[in-house]
Amino acid sequence: MTYTVNLGAVRAAWNAYGGQARGALDIAMAIPVKAGDAQGLGDLAPFLQTASARMDAMAQISATVIDEFGENIAACLAGYEADDEASEVRFNELT
């Protein structure tokens, strides 16, 4: 399933991270979007498109549409654990 988000909020979060790659990865992995929605985001678009493809492949994930950042983004970021050594990301079901 694909979710849509407020792209202005995505851009604001990207700017808040100072454009750091790790911040972009956190945002992208937490927020699945339709590929078409990523248009116009410039440097952030590839991250979002990759996240969308990954999330679409994981149909068991439960998430909500995120219209703004705050508790929702914190819940999403807490919902996965990154295993840097294995370069894998495991998602826990968000409730």
N, C-alpha and C. Protein backbone atom coordinates (compact mmCIF):
# COMPACT_ATOMS: atom_id res chain seq x y z
N MET A 1 0.84 -1.18 0.00
CA MET A 1 0.00 0.00 0.00
C MET A 1 0.88 1.24 0.00
N THR A 2 0.46 2.26 -0.69
CA THR A 2 1.23 3.50 -0.76
C THR A 2 0.48 4.61 -0.05
N TYR A 3 1.20 5.42 0.67
CA TYR A 3 0.61 6.53 1.38
C TYR A 3 1.09 7.85 0.79
N THR A 4 0.31 8.89 0.98
CA THR A 4 0.73 10.21 0.52
C THR A 4 1.04 11.07 1.74
N VAL A 5 1.88 12.05 1.56
CA VAL A 5 2.28 12.92 2.66
C VAL A 5 2.26 14.37 2.22
N ASN A 6 2.32 15.25 3.19
CA ASN A 6 2.46 16.68 2.93
C ASN A 6 3.92 16.93 2.53
N LEU A 7 4.14 17.20 1.25
CA LEU A 7 5.52 17.32 0.78
C LEU A 7 6.22 18.56 1.34
N GLY A 8 5.45 19.58 1.70
CA GLY A 8 6.06 20.75 2.34
C GLY A 8 6.69 20.36 3.67
N ALA A 9 6.01 19.46 4.39
CA ALA A 9 6.55 19.00 5.67
C ALA A 9 7.79 18.16 5.46
N VAL A 10 7.80 17.37 4.37
CA VAL A 10 8.99 16.57 4.05
C VAL A 10 10.16 17.49 3.76
N ARG A 11 9.93 18.51 2.97
CA ARG A 11 11.00 19.45 2.64
C ARG A 11 11.49 20.18 3.89
N ALA A 12 10.57 20.55 4.77
CA ALA A 12 10.97 21.24 6.00
C ALA A 12 11.83 20.34 6.87
N ALA A 13 11.47 19.07 6.92
CA ALA A 13 12.26 18.13 7.72
C ALA A 13 13.64 17.93 7.11
N TRP A 14 13.67 17.83 5.78
CA TRP A 14 14.96 17.70 5.07
C TRP A 14 15.85 18.89 5.40
N ASN A 15 15.29 20.10 5.36
CA ASN A 15 16.06 21.30 5.66
C ASN A 15 16.51 21.31 7.11
N ALA A 16 15.66 20.82 8.00
CA ALA A 16 16.01 20.79 9.42
C ALA A 16 17.19 19.87 9.68
N TYR A 17 17.31 18.82 8.87
CA TYR A 17 18.44 17.91 9.00
C TYR A 17 19.69 18.48 8.35
N GLY A 18 19.58 19.62 7.71
CA GLY A 18 20.73 20.21 7.05
C GLY A 18 21.15 19.45 5.81
N GLY A 19 20.23 18.66 5.26
CA GLY A 19 20.55 17.91 4.05
C GLY A 19 21.50 16.75 4.27
N GLN A 20 21.65 16.32 5.51
CA GLN A 20 22.56 15.21 5.81
C GLN A 20 21.97 13.90 5.27
N ALA A 21 22.83 13.06 4.75
CA ALA A 21 22.38 11.81 4.14
C ALA A 21 21.63 10.94 5.13
N ARG A 22 22.11 10.84 6.35
CA ARG A 22 21.45 9.98 7.33
C ARG A 22 20.04 10.50 7.63
N GLY A 23 19.91 11.82 7.76
CA GLY A 23 18.60 12.40 7.99
C GLY A 23 17.66 12.11 6.84
N ALA A 24 18.16 12.21 5.63
CA ALA A 24 17.34 11.94 4.45
C ALA A 24 16.90 10.48 4.44
N LEU A 25 17.80 9.59 4.84
CA LEU A 25 17.46 8.17 4.87
C LEU A 25 16.38 7.90 5.91
N ASP A 26 16.52 8.51 7.09
CA ASP A 26 15.51 8.34 8.14
C ASP A 26 14.14 8.80 7.65
N ILE A 27 14.11 9.95 7.00
CA ILE A 27 12.84 10.48 6.50
C ILE A 27 12.28 9.56 5.43
N ALA A 28 13.12 9.16 4.51
CA ALA A 28 12.65 8.33 3.40
C ALA A 28 12.14 6.98 3.86
N MET A 29 12.83 6.37 4.80
CA MET A 29 12.41 5.06 5.26
C MET A 29 11.13 5.14 6.09
N ALA A 30 10.88 6.30 6.67
CA ALA A 30 9.71 6.44 7.52
C ALA A 30 8.46 6.83 6.74
N ILE A 31 8.65 7.44 5.59
CA ILE A 31 7.51 8.01 4.87
C ILE A 31 7.42 7.45 3.46
N PRO A 32 6.56 6.47 3.23
CA PRO A 32 6.35 5.98 1.87
C PRO A 32 5.50 6.96 1.08
N VAL A 33 5.84 7.18 -0.17
CA VAL A 33 5.06 8.09 -1.01
C VAL A 33 4.90 7.49 -2.39
N LYS A 34 3.92 7.99 -3.10
CA LYS A 34 3.78 7.61 -4.50
C LYS A 34 4.93 8.24 -5.27
N ALA A 35 5.47 7.51 -6.25
CA ALA A 35 6.61 8.03 -7.00
C ALA A 35 6.28 9.38 -7.61
N GLY A 36 5.07 9.56 -8.13
CA GLY A 36 4.69 10.82 -8.75
C GLY A 36 4.70 11.98 -7.77
N ASP A 37 4.45 11.70 -6.49
CA ASP A 37 4.43 12.75 -5.48
C ASP A 37 5.81 13.31 -5.21
N ALA A 38 6.84 12.58 -5.59
CA ALA A 38 8.21 13.02 -5.31
C ALA A 38 8.71 14.04 -6.33
N GLN A 39 7.94 14.26 -7.38
CA GLN A 39 8.36 15.23 -8.40
C GLN A 39 8.49 16.61 -7.78
N GLY A 40 9.51 17.33 -8.19
CA GLY A 40 9.71 18.69 -7.71
C GLY A 40 10.47 18.78 -6.41
N LEU A 41 10.87 17.65 -5.84
CA LEU A 41 11.61 17.69 -4.59
C LEU A 41 13.12 17.71 -4.80
N GLY A 42 13.54 17.64 -6.04
CA GLY A 42 14.98 17.74 -6.33
C GLY A 42 15.78 16.65 -5.67
N ASP A 43 16.74 17.05 -4.83
CA ASP A 43 17.68 16.10 -4.23
C ASP A 43 17.02 15.08 -3.31
N LEU A 44 15.83 15.37 -2.84
CA LEU A 44 15.14 14.45 -1.93
C LEU A 44 14.34 13.38 -2.67
N ALA A 45 13.99 13.64 -3.92
CA ALA A 45 13.12 12.73 -4.67
C ALA A 45 13.63 11.28 -4.73
N PRO A 46 14.92 11.03 -5.01
CA PRO A 46 15.38 9.64 -5.09
C PRO A 46 15.18 8.87 -3.78
N PHE A 47 15.39 9.55 -2.65
CA PHE A 47 15.20 8.90 -1.37
C PHE A 47 13.74 8.48 -1.20
N LEU A 48 12.83 9.38 -1.56
CA LEU A 48 11.41 9.09 -1.38
C LEU A 48 10.95 8.00 -2.33
N GLN A 49 11.43 8.01 -3.54
CA GLN A 49 11.03 6.99 -4.51
C GLN A 49 11.53 5.62 -4.07
N THR A 50 12.75 5.56 -3.54
CA THR A 50 13.29 4.29 -3.04
C THR A 50 12.47 3.80 -1.86
N ALA A 51 12.12 4.72 -0.98
CA ALA A 51 11.32 4.34 0.18
C ALA A 51 9.96 3.82 -0.25
N SER A 52 9.37 4.45 -1.23
CA SER A 52 8.06 4.01 -1.72
C SER A 52 8.13 2.59 -2.24
N ALA A 53 9.15 2.29 -3.02
CA ALA A 53 9.29 0.94 -3.58
C ALA A 53 9.49 -0.09 -2.47
N ARG A 54 10.29 0.25 -1.48
CA ARG A 54 10.53 -0.67 -0.38
C ARG A 54 9.25 -0.90 0.42
N MET A 55 8.55 0.18 0.70
CA MET A 55 7.36 0.05 1.52
C MET A 55 6.26 -0.69 0.78
N ASP A 56 6.15 -0.47 -0.51
CA ASP A 56 5.15 -1.18 -1.29
C ASP A 56 5.40 -2.68 -1.26
N ALA A 57 6.65 -3.07 -1.14
CA ALA A 57 7.00 -4.49 -1.13
C ALA A 57 6.72 -5.13 0.22
N MET A 58 6.44 -4.32 1.22
CA MET A 58 6.19 -4.84 2.57
C MET A 58 4.73 -4.58 2.95
N ALA A 59 3.85 -5.37 2.39
CA ALA A 59 2.42 -5.13 2.54
C ALA A 59 1.92 -5.30 3.97
N GLN A 60 2.70 -5.93 4.83
CA GLN A 60 2.25 -6.18 6.19
C GLN A 60 2.40 -4.96 7.11
N ILE A 61 3.08 -3.93 6.62
CA ILE A 61 3.33 -2.77 7.47
C ILE A 61 2.06 -1.97 7.67
N SER A 62 1.80 -1.61 8.88
CA SER A 62 0.64 -0.78 9.22
C SER A 62 1.16 0.63 9.50
N ALA A 63 0.61 1.62 8.83
CA ALA A 63 1.04 3.00 9.04
C ALA A 63 -0.12 3.94 8.81
N THR A 64 0.06 5.17 9.17
CA THR A 64 -0.98 6.17 8.95
C THR A 64 -0.46 7.22 7.99
N VAL A 65 -1.38 7.93 7.37
CA VAL A 65 -1.00 9.03 6.49
C VAL A 65 -0.45 10.15 7.36
N ILE A 66 0.71 10.65 6.99
CA ILE A 66 1.36 11.69 7.79
C ILE A 66 1.16 13.03 7.10
N ASP A 67 0.43 13.92 7.75
CA ASP A 67 0.19 15.23 7.18
C ASP A 67 1.17 16.26 7.73
N GLU A 68 1.74 15.99 8.87
CA GLU A 68 2.72 16.90 9.44
C GLU A 68 3.66 16.12 10.32
N PHE A 69 4.79 16.72 10.66
CA PHE A 69 5.77 16.04 11.48
C PHE A 69 5.50 16.29 12.95
N GLY A 70 5.99 15.45 13.79
CA GLY A 70 5.74 15.53 15.22
C GLY A 70 5.70 14.13 15.77
N GLU A 71 4.66 13.81 16.51
CA GLU A 71 4.56 12.48 17.10
C GLU A 71 4.47 11.41 16.03
N ASN A 72 3.83 11.71 14.90
CA ASN A 72 3.69 10.72 13.84
C ASN A 72 5.05 10.30 13.29
N ILE A 73 5.92 11.28 13.02
CA ILE A 73 7.22 10.93 12.46
C ILE A 73 8.06 10.20 13.51
N ALA A 74 7.94 10.60 14.78
CA ALA A 74 8.67 9.91 15.84
C ALA A 74 8.23 8.46 15.93
N ALA A 75 6.93 8.22 15.80
CA ALA A 75 6.41 6.85 15.87
C ALA A 75 6.92 6.03 14.70
N CYS A 76 6.97 6.63 13.52
CA CYS A 76 7.46 5.91 12.34
C CYS A 76 8.94 5.59 12.48
N LEU A 77 9.72 6.57 12.92
CA LEU A 77 11.15 6.34 13.04
C LEU A 77 11.44 5.29 14.11
N ALA A 78 10.59 5.22 15.15
CA ALA A 78 10.77 4.23 16.20
C ALA A 78 10.34 2.85 15.71
N GLY A 79 9.64 2.80 14.59
CA GLY A 79 9.08 1.55 14.11
C GLY A 79 10.05 0.68 13.34
N TYR A 80 11.26 1.13 13.10
CA TYR A 80 12.23 0.26 12.42
C TYR A 80 13.58 0.33 13.10
N GLU A 81 14.32 -0.71 12.96
CA GLU A 81 15.66 -0.78 13.52
C GLU A 81 16.63 -1.03 12.36
N ALA A 82 17.67 -0.24 12.31
CA ALA A 82 18.67 -0.42 11.24
C ALA A 82 19.82 -1.28 11.75
N ASP A 83 20.18 -2.27 10.98
CA ASP A 83 21.34 -3.10 11.29
C ASP A 83 22.42 -2.70 10.31
N ASP A 84 23.25 -1.72 10.70
CA ASP A 84 24.23 -1.15 9.79
C ASP A 84 25.23 -2.19 9.29
N GLU A 85 25.58 -3.13 10.16
CA GLU A 85 26.56 -4.13 9.77
C GLU A 85 26.06 -4.95 8.59
N ALA A 86 24.80 -5.32 8.64
CA ALA A 86 24.23 -6.16 7.58
C ALA A 86 23.58 -5.33 6.48
N SER A 87 23.58 -4.01 6.67
CA SER A 87 22.96 -3.10 5.70
C SER A 87 21.52 -3.50 5.40
N GLU A 88 20.81 -3.86 6.45
CA GLU A 88 19.41 -4.23 6.30
C GLU A 88 18.57 -3.35 7.20
N VAL A 89 17.33 -3.17 6.81
CA VAL A 89 16.40 -2.44 7.65
C VAL A 89 15.21 -3.33 7.91
N ARG A 90 14.95 -3.54 9.18
CA ARG A 90 13.80 -4.36 9.56
C ARG A 90 12.71 -3.43 10.07
N PHE A 91 11.51 -3.63 9.60
CA PHE A 91 10.39 -2.80 10.02
C PHE A 91 9.53 -3.57 11.02
N ASN A 92 9.19 -2.89 12.09
CA ASN A 92 8.25 -3.45 13.05
C ASN A 92 6.88 -2.88 12.70
N GLU A 93 5.87 -3.67 12.91
CA GLU A 93 4.52 -3.18 12.61
C GLU A 93 4.17 -2.06 13.58
N LEU A 94 3.73 -0.93 13.02
CA LEU A 94 3.32 0.21 13.84
C LEU A 94 1.86 0.03 14.22
N THR A 95 1.59 0.25 15.49
CA THR A 95 0.19 0.11 15.94
C THR A 95 -0.32 1.44 16.43
